[in-house]
Amino acid sequence: MIPLPDLKTQSKLNTTNMCFSDDTIRSLQELGSVLMPIYKRLIDEGYVIKNGKIVERPTLKI
């Protein structure tokens, strides 16, 4: 995962080439912080997201 710059660093960035507003970026960061624990729990419980669906993680056959 690519770390996002903090708010102090963001104010120093050149904003003329940015596609999204600061509010949109903050909203996406918040959404990511909500979804990440859900994703980690899926993985911990043996599931993965494949083609947009939640499926059991394939087991290795030895």
Protein backbone atom coordinates (compact mmCIF):
# COMPACT_ATOMS: atom_id res chain seq x y z
CA MET A 1 0.00 0.00 0.00
CA ILE A 2 1.29 3.45 -0.88
CA PRO A 3 1.40 5.75 2.16
CA LEU A 4 -0.59 8.95 1.77
CA PRO A 5 1.02 12.27 2.68
CA ASP A 6 -0.23 13.95 5.83
CA LEU A 7 -2.22 17.19 5.65
CA LYS A 8 0.88 19.37 6.22
CA THR A 9 2.61 17.76 3.24
CA GLN A 10 -0.53 17.98 1.10
CA SER A 11 -0.63 21.76 1.43
CA LYS A 12 2.88 21.92 -0.07
CA LEU A 13 1.92 19.81 -3.12
CA ASN A 14 1.25 21.40 -6.50
CA THR A 15 -2.54 21.24 -6.67
CA THR A 16 -2.92 22.52 -10.25
CA ASN A 17 -2.67 18.98 -11.70
CA MET A 18 -4.91 17.25 -9.14
CA CYS A 19 -8.08 15.56 -10.41
CA PHE A 20 -9.88 15.40 -7.05
CA SER A 21 -10.70 18.03 -4.48
CA ASP A 22 -9.27 17.87 -0.97
CA ASP A 23 -12.70 16.83 0.32
CA THR A 24 -12.84 13.94 -2.14
CA ILE A 25 -9.35 12.79 -1.18
CA ARG A 26 -10.23 12.89 2.53
CA SER A 27 -13.45 10.97 1.87
CA LEU A 28 -11.56 8.29 -0.04
CA GLN A 29 -9.03 8.02 2.78
CA GLU A 30 -11.86 7.57 5.29
CA LEU A 31 -13.50 4.96 3.09
CA GLY A 32 -10.21 3.09 2.86
CA SER A 33 -9.81 3.13 6.63
CA VAL A 34 -13.30 1.63 6.98
CA LEU A 35 -12.85 -1.04 4.30
CA MET A 36 -9.34 -2.21 5.26
CA PRO A 37 -10.34 -3.96 8.53
CA ILE A 38 -13.19 -5.69 6.68
CA TYR A 39 -10.79 -6.90 3.99
CA LYS A 40 -8.27 -8.10 6.59
CA ARG A 41 -10.98 -10.00 8.45
CA LEU A 42 -12.06 -11.73 5.21
CA ILE A 43 -8.48 -12.86 4.64
CA ASP A 44 -8.05 -13.98 8.26
CA GLU A 45 -11.23 -16.06 8.03
CA GLY A 46 -10.11 -17.78 4.83
CA TYR A 47 -11.94 -15.82 2.15
CA VAL A 48 -10.84 -13.72 -0.81
CA ILE A 49 -12.58 -11.36 -3.20
CA LYS A 50 -12.41 -12.78 -6.71
CA ASN A 51 -14.18 -11.21 -9.68
CA GLY A 52 -16.21 -9.06 -7.30
CA LYS A 53 -17.48 -12.00 -5.24
CA ILE A 54 -16.46 -13.30 -1.83
CA VAL A 55 -15.23 -16.90 -2.16
CA GLU A 56 -13.32 -19.30 0.05
CA ARG A 57 -9.59 -19.10 -0.37
CA PRO A 58 -8.29 -22.11 -2.30
CA THR A 59 -6.27 -24.52 -0.18
CA LEU A 60 -2.94 -25.91 -1.28
CA LYS A 61 -3.04 -29.56 -2.25
CA ILE A 62 0.18 -31.34 -1.37
